[in-house]
Amino acid sequence: MQAILPLAGKGTRLRPHTHTRPKPLLRVANRPVLDYVLRQLEEVGVDEIIGITGHLSPSIEAWLAEEHPNLSFRPVPQVQQLGTADAIRLAEPYVDGPVLIVFVDTLFDADLGLIQTMPDRDGIIWAKEVEDYQRFGVIVTDEEGDMVRIVEKPSEPISRLANIGLYYVRDWKLMFEGISKVMAAPPNHGEYFLTDAFQYMIDHGARLFTAEVDHWWDCGKPETLLETNREVLLSGGASEPASADGVRVVPPVCVAADVVLEDTVIGPNVSIGAGSTIRGGRLRECIVGENSVLEGCDVHDSLIGDHVTARGLTGTASLGDHTAIDALD
């Protein structure tokens, strides 16, 4: 089975981290976001990824070759980003059957087995019920759970089912026909939306079932990446270090096996990557990358990249890879 993954975004809201690392490779609980997604896709038989690539694409290709060598990966460059419909349009020459489409800004806990158990539908759109429906595109369904339309950021609660960017399309030919129609029309608020192509499918007789996910976690902003790290830790992603004198651990945490901890307090909701050293101070609500050294730092709600050296840092910080800072000077 094939899956289309748009991977071209620059991740501007997550700078400085995305200056050196593509957004899909940012980590929660010491694993790249993309890894969580691919493992779920592999479980349902996906063996070919059509990646819509752009920013730092060689990093993604190298990581895939090393960590998911059994997945065939076809990179398709996206030179200009014109919207979600434009991104999926680029995959058309390579799609030869029903296809999954996954936007990897989020993690999800979805029943992808519905692909096999609902052969009477032309596609499936996964959604999550939310309270703050005004922030999302919400899906309006009929009595059988099929999509009627998607409404962007409604002012009234016509639906609380937020579109999460996870789709299965059985009638791929009709979808690409719809994308062609969307791209031939004037852009919608400056973009071409894939959801408008789904509306075209419905208007031409397609049935797209709306399935609810159990969990959906955003990874697109610093604060939501930290929230997702916390949720993943609470959902089984924690790994505590061995007990040591002078070290106090407040669960949940995920600490790589070779991390050095000395005279420090770690947690709650902290991930520390392989090869890092924490001496003194305290970390809470933080993601620390690999091969970083923090000495005497008391930080919270912070993102610390790889190969960072920091001393005497307090408060909240966002330090990209290879940063060096000495707050005691």
Protein backbone atom coordinates (compact mmCIF):
# COMPACT_ATOMS: atom_id res chain seq x y z
CA MET A 1 0.00 0.00 0.00
CA GLN A 2 1.13 3.54 -0.71
CA ALA A 3 1.01 6.57 1.56
CA ILE A 4 1.53 10.23 0.65
CA LEU A 5 3.32 12.30 3.30
CA PRO A 6 3.72 16.07 2.79
CA LEU A 7 7.16 16.77 4.30
CA ALA A 8 8.15 20.04 2.66
CA GLY A 9 7.20 22.54 5.37
CA LYS A 10 9.86 24.78 6.89
CA GLY A 11 8.40 24.59 10.40
CA THR A 12 8.79 28.31 11.00
CA ARG A 13 6.89 28.20 14.30
CA LEU A 14 9.50 25.79 15.68
CA ARG A 15 12.60 27.82 14.88
CA PRO A 16 15.46 27.76 15.75
CA HIS A 17 15.16 23.96 15.91
CA THR A 18 13.91 23.64 12.35
CA HIS A 19 16.84 25.59 10.95
CA THR A 20 18.91 22.41 11.24
CA ARG A 21 16.32 19.64 11.63
CA PRO A 22 13.18 19.07 9.54
CA LYS A 23 10.02 19.31 11.59
CA PRO A 24 9.05 15.61 11.16
CA LEU A 25 12.34 14.61 12.82
CA LEU A 26 11.79 16.64 16.00
CA ARG A 27 11.49 14.26 18.94
CA VAL A 28 8.96 13.48 21.62
CA ALA A 29 9.87 10.89 24.25
CA ASN A 30 13.22 10.51 22.44
CA ARG A 31 11.71 9.40 19.12
CA PRO A 32 11.12 11.47 15.98
CA VAL A 33 7.50 12.38 15.32
CA LEU A 34 7.81 10.74 11.90
CA ASP A 35 8.84 7.45 13.50
CA TYR A 36 5.57 7.19 15.43
CA VAL A 37 3.60 7.78 12.22
CA LEU A 38 5.56 5.32 10.08
CA ARG A 39 5.29 2.50 12.60
CA GLN A 40 1.50 2.76 12.48
CA LEU A 41 1.50 2.85 8.69
CA GLU A 42 3.74 -0.20 8.45
CA GLU A 43 1.36 -2.13 10.71
CA VAL A 44 -1.44 -1.79 8.12
CA GLY A 45 0.73 -2.79 5.20
CA VAL A 46 2.17 0.48 3.87
CA ASP A 47 5.37 -0.36 2.03
CA GLU A 48 5.85 2.71 -0.15
CA ILE A 49 6.02 6.35 0.93
CA ILE A 50 5.58 9.15 -1.58
CA GLY A 51 7.18 12.04 0.24
CA ILE A 52 6.44 15.59 -0.86
CA THR A 53 9.80 17.05 0.02
CA GLY A 54 11.42 20.44 0.38
CA HIS A 55 13.14 21.89 3.46
CA LEU A 56 16.13 19.75 4.55
CA SER A 57 14.87 16.77 2.56
CA PRO A 58 18.28 14.98 2.50
CA SER A 59 18.07 14.65 6.29
CA ILE A 60 14.71 12.90 6.03
CA GLU A 61 15.91 10.59 3.27
CA ALA A 62 19.04 9.62 5.22
CA TRP A 63 17.05 8.97 8.39
CA LEU A 64 14.50 6.82 6.53
CA ALA A 65 17.23 4.75 4.89
CA GLU A 66 18.76 4.02 8.28
CA GLU A 67 15.68 3.60 10.48
CA HIS A 68 13.07 2.24 8.03
CA PRO A 69 15.10 0.44 5.35
CA ASN A 70 12.17 -1.79 4.30
CA LEU A 71 10.07 1.21 3.29
CA SER A 72 10.37 2.32 -0.30
CA PHE A 73 10.66 6.11 -0.36
CA ARG A 74 10.00 8.22 -3.43
CA PRO A 75 10.86 11.91 -2.90
CA VAL A 76 8.82 14.38 -4.94
CA PRO A 77 10.15 17.96 -4.64
CA GLN A 78 7.69 20.76 -3.94
CA VAL A 79 9.32 23.96 -5.16
CA GLN A 80 6.49 26.33 -4.26
CA GLN A 81 4.00 25.66 -1.48
CA LEU A 82 0.51 26.58 -2.66
CA GLY A 83 -1.57 24.57 -0.23
CA THR A 84 -2.51 21.01 0.67
CA ALA A 85 -4.20 20.23 -2.66
CA ASP A 86 -1.09 21.35 -4.52
CA ALA A 87 1.11 19.11 -2.36
CA ILE A 88 -0.99 16.00 -2.99
CA ARG A 89 -1.30 16.86 -6.71
CA LEU A 90 2.44 16.31 -7.09
CA ALA A 91 2.05 12.64 -6.11
CA GLU A 92 -0.47 11.84 -8.86
CA PRO A 93 1.98 10.35 -11.41
CA TYR A 94 3.13 7.78 -8.84
CA VAL A 95 -0.15 6.69 -7.23
CA ASP A 96 -1.51 3.42 -8.63
CA GLY A 97 -4.17 2.44 -6.11
CA PRO A 98 -5.95 3.32 -2.87
CA VAL A 99 -3.73 5.54 -0.79
CA LEU A 100 -3.29 6.92 2.71
CA ILE A 101 -2.54 10.62 3.13
CA VAL A 102 -0.91 11.72 6.38
CA PHE A 103 0.10 15.22 7.42
CA VAL A 104 2.79 14.68 10.04
CA ASP A 105 2.28 17.80 12.16
CA THR A 106 0.47 15.60 14.66
CA LEU A 107 0.50 12.23 16.38
CA PHE A 108 -2.64 10.16 16.45
CA ASP A 109 -4.10 6.98 17.88
CA ALA A 110 -6.38 5.85 15.05
CA ASP A 111 -7.98 2.58 14.01
CA LEU A 112 -6.40 2.24 10.59
CA GLY A 113 -7.88 -1.26 10.39
CA LEU A 114 -11.08 0.42 9.17
CA ILE A 115 -9.42 0.43 5.75
CA GLN A 116 -10.13 -3.30 5.54
CA THR A 117 -13.46 -3.40 7.35
CA MET A 118 -15.26 -0.65 5.40
CA PRO A 119 -14.94 -1.66 1.72
CA ASP A 120 -18.24 0.07 0.86
CA ARG A 121 -16.77 3.55 1.40
CA ASP A 122 -14.76 5.54 -1.13
CA GLY A 123 -12.57 6.86 1.64
CA ILE A 124 -12.17 7.55 5.35
CA ILE A 125 -11.46 10.85 7.07
CA TRP A 126 -10.29 10.64 10.66
CA ALA A 127 -11.39 13.34 13.10
CA LYS A 128 -11.25 14.24 16.78
CA GLU A 129 -14.03 15.81 18.83
CA VAL A 130 -12.82 19.09 20.31
CA GLU A 131 -14.25 21.83 22.48
CA ASP A 132 -12.51 24.77 20.74
CA TYR A 133 -14.10 24.01 17.38
CA GLN A 134 -13.56 27.62 16.20
CA ARG A 135 -9.84 26.87 15.68
CA PHE A 136 -10.31 24.04 13.20
CA GLY A 137 -11.88 22.83 10.04
CA VAL A 138 -14.77 20.74 11.33
CA ILE A 139 -16.55 17.90 9.56
CA VAL A 140 -20.32 17.84 9.22
CA THR A 141 -21.66 14.30 8.83
CA ASP A 142 -24.93 12.63 7.95
CA GLU A 143 -26.75 10.05 10.08
CA GLU A 144 -24.51 7.25 8.77
CA GLY A 145 -21.31 9.07 9.69
CA ASP A 146 -20.38 10.08 6.16
CA MET A 147 -18.93 13.51 5.52
CA VAL A 148 -21.32 16.10 4.11
CA ARG A 149 -18.90 19.04 4.16
CA ILE A 150 -15.96 20.60 5.99
CA VAL A 151 -16.37 24.10 7.42
CA GLU A 152 -13.26 26.08 8.32
CA LYS A 153 -13.28 27.74 11.75
CA PRO A 154 -17.06 27.98 12.20
CA SER A 155 -18.51 30.63 14.48
CA GLU A 156 -21.34 28.31 15.52
CA PRO A 157 -20.98 24.71 16.80
CA ILE A 158 -22.29 23.01 13.65
CA SER A 159 -19.81 20.23 14.46
CA ARG A 160 -17.05 19.53 16.95
CA LEU A 161 -15.28 16.93 14.78
CA ALA A 162 -11.93 18.51 13.87
CA ASN A 163 -10.18 17.42 10.70
CA ILE A 164 -6.78 16.04 11.82
CA GLY A 165 -5.06 15.54 8.45
CA LEU A 166 -5.31 11.74 8.19
CA TYR A 167 -7.15 10.25 5.22
CA TYR A 168 -7.62 7.00 3.29
CA VAL A 169 -8.79 7.40 -0.28
CA ARG A 170 -10.04 4.31 -2.09
CA ASP A 171 -11.28 6.21 -5.16
CA TRP A 172 -7.97 7.93 -5.84
CA LYS A 173 -8.85 8.75 -9.43
CA LEU A 174 -11.86 10.83 -8.36
CA MET A 175 -9.72 12.58 -5.75
CA PHE A 176 -7.14 13.66 -8.32
CA GLU A 177 -9.96 14.75 -10.62
CA GLY A 178 -11.21 16.91 -7.77
CA ILE A 179 -7.73 18.30 -7.15
CA SER A 180 -7.49 19.30 -10.82
CA LYS A 181 -10.77 21.18 -10.50
CA VAL A 182 -9.59 22.89 -7.32
CA MET A 183 -6.29 23.94 -8.90
CA ALA A 184 -8.10 25.34 -11.95
CA ALA A 185 -10.25 27.64 -9.78
CA PRO A 186 -9.13 30.79 -7.95
CA PRO A 187 -7.34 29.99 -4.66
CA ASN A 188 -9.32 29.91 -1.44
CA HIS A 189 -7.80 32.57 0.85
CA GLY A 190 -4.58 32.31 -1.14
CA GLU A 191 -4.33 28.50 -0.98
CA TYR A 192 -5.62 25.37 -2.67
CA PHE A 193 -7.18 23.06 -0.08
CA LEU A 194 -7.32 19.27 -0.30
CA THR A 195 -10.62 19.36 1.58
CA ASP A 196 -12.16 21.18 -1.39
CA ALA A 197 -11.22 18.16 -3.51
CA PHE A 198 -12.96 15.91 -0.98
CA GLN A 199 -16.04 18.10 -1.31
CA TYR A 200 -15.84 17.57 -5.08
CA MET A 201 -15.77 13.81 -4.48
CA ILE A 202 -18.86 13.98 -2.29
CA ASP A 203 -20.68 16.18 -4.79
CA HIS A 204 -19.97 13.47 -7.38
CA GLY A 205 -21.40 10.64 -5.34
CA ALA A 206 -18.49 9.50 -3.19
CA ARG A 207 -19.02 8.33 0.39
CA LEU A 208 -16.30 9.39 2.81
CA PHE A 209 -16.76 7.93 6.28
CA THR A 210 -15.73 10.05 9.27
CA ALA A 211 -13.95 8.01 11.95
CA GLU A 212 -13.05 9.39 15.36
CA VAL A 213 -9.56 8.92 16.80
CA ASP A 214 -8.96 8.18 20.47
CA HIS A 215 -6.05 10.63 20.75
CA TRP A 216 -4.65 13.44 18.63
CA TRP A 217 -1.63 15.47 19.65
CA ASP A 218 -0.25 18.53 17.89
CA CYS A 219 3.49 18.85 17.21
CA GLY A 220 3.50 22.08 15.25
CA LYS A 221 4.46 24.67 17.92
CA PRO A 222 6.89 24.69 20.87
CA GLU A 223 4.13 24.66 23.49
CA THR A 224 2.16 21.88 21.78
CA LEU A 225 5.31 19.83 21.16
CA LEU A 226 5.94 19.94 24.92
CA GLU A 227 2.29 19.01 25.59
CA THR A 228 2.59 16.07 23.20
CA ASN A 229 5.81 14.96 24.88
CA ARG A 230 3.93 14.92 28.18
CA GLU A 231 1.01 12.94 26.74
CA VAL A 232 3.30 10.37 25.12
CA LEU A 233 5.17 9.91 28.39
CA LEU A 234 1.88 9.38 30.23
CA SER A 235 0.72 6.94 27.55
CA GLY A 236 3.56 4.47 27.89
CA GLY A 237 6.55 6.31 26.46
CA ALA A 238 8.32 6.85 29.79
CA SER A 239 11.69 5.29 30.64
CA GLU A 240 13.21 6.10 34.01
CA PRO A 241 16.95 6.09 34.69
CA ALA A 242 18.58 3.82 37.24
CA SER A 243 18.53 5.26 40.75
CA ALA A 244 21.62 7.22 41.75
CA ASP A 245 22.77 9.17 44.78
CA GLY A 246 21.96 12.85 44.49
CA VAL A 247 19.49 12.36 41.66
CA ARG A 248 15.73 12.71 42.15
CA VAL A 249 13.31 11.70 39.42
CA VAL A 250 9.74 13.02 39.30
CA PRO A 251 7.81 10.82 36.84
CA PRO A 252 7.06 10.64 34.04
CA VAL A 253 10.38 11.00 32.26
CA CYS A 254 12.15 9.39 29.32
CA VAL A 255 15.90 9.25 29.82
CA ALA A 256 18.15 7.47 27.32
CA ALA A 257 20.24 4.64 28.76
CA ASP A 258 23.61 6.40 28.51
CA VAL A 259 22.58 9.78 29.91
CA VAL A 260 24.73 11.01 32.82
CA LEU A 261 22.81 12.54 35.74
CA GLU A 262 24.61 14.12 38.68
CA ASP A 263 23.16 16.01 41.67
CA THR A 264 19.97 17.02 39.84
CA VAL A 265 16.19 16.84 39.85
CA ILE A 266 14.54 15.58 36.66
CA GLY A 267 10.83 15.81 35.93
CA PRO A 268 8.02 15.76 35.59
CA ASN A 269 7.52 15.48 31.82
CA VAL A 270 11.14 15.52 30.72
CA SER A 271 12.84 13.69 27.84
CA ILE A 272 16.63 13.54 27.59
CA GLY A 273 18.33 12.14 24.50
CA ALA A 274 21.29 9.79 24.18
CA GLY A 275 24.74 10.97 25.17
CA SER A 276 23.59 13.98 27.20
CA THR A 277 24.83 15.03 30.63
CA ILE A 278 22.87 16.93 33.30
CA ARG A 279 24.85 18.21 36.29
CA GLY A 280 23.12 20.11 39.07
CA GLY A 281 19.99 22.21 38.75
CA ARG A 282 16.55 20.98 37.76
CA LEU A 283 14.63 20.21 34.58
CA ARG A 284 10.86 20.03 34.29
CA GLU A 285 8.55 20.11 31.27
CA CYS A 286 11.52 19.92 28.90
CA ILE A 287 12.79 18.13 25.83
CA VAL A 288 16.59 17.84 25.75
CA GLY A 289 18.28 16.48 22.64
CA GLU A 290 21.29 14.23 22.19
CA ASN A 291 24.90 14.90 23.26
CA SER A 292 24.03 18.05 25.17
CA VAL A 293 25.56 19.19 28.46
CA LEU A 294 23.58 21.26 30.99
CA GLU A 295 25.35 22.35 34.15
CA GLY A 296 23.59 24.17 36.99
CA CYS A 297 20.53 24.89 34.86
CA ASP A 298 17.07 25.33 36.36
CA VAL A 299 14.79 25.35 33.32
CA HIS A 300 11.19 24.53 32.54
CA ASP A 301 8.92 24.50 29.48
CA SER A 302 12.01 24.42 27.30
CA LEU A 303 13.27 22.86 24.07
CA ILE A 304 17.00 22.11 24.05
CA GLY A 305 18.55 20.79 20.84
CA ASP A 306 21.45 18.43 20.13
CA HIS A 307 25.08 19.25 21.01
CA VAL A 308 24.04 22.16 23.23
CA THR A 309 26.30 23.37 26.04
CA ALA A 310 24.64 25.53 28.71
CA ARG A 311 25.71 26.62 32.20
CA GLY A 312 23.70 28.49 34.82
CA LEU A 313 20.63 28.89 32.64
CA THR A 314 17.31 29.61 34.41
CA GLY A 315 13.71 30.00 33.31
CA THR A 316 12.46 29.02 29.86
CA ALA A 317 14.67 28.52 26.84
CA SER A 318 14.57 27.41 23.21
CA LEU A 319 18.10 26.50 22.14
CA GLY A 320 18.80 25.10 18.69
CA ASP A 321 21.45 22.54 17.86
CA HIS A 322 25.09 23.42 18.64
CA THR A 323 24.19 26.38 20.86
CA ALA A 324 26.64 27.35 23.61
CA ILE A 325 25.54 29.63 26.45
CA ASP A 326 27.15 30.46 29.79
CA ALA A 327 24.78 32.46 31.98
CA LEU A 328 27.37 32.61 34.78
CA ASP A 329 29.84 34.74 32.84
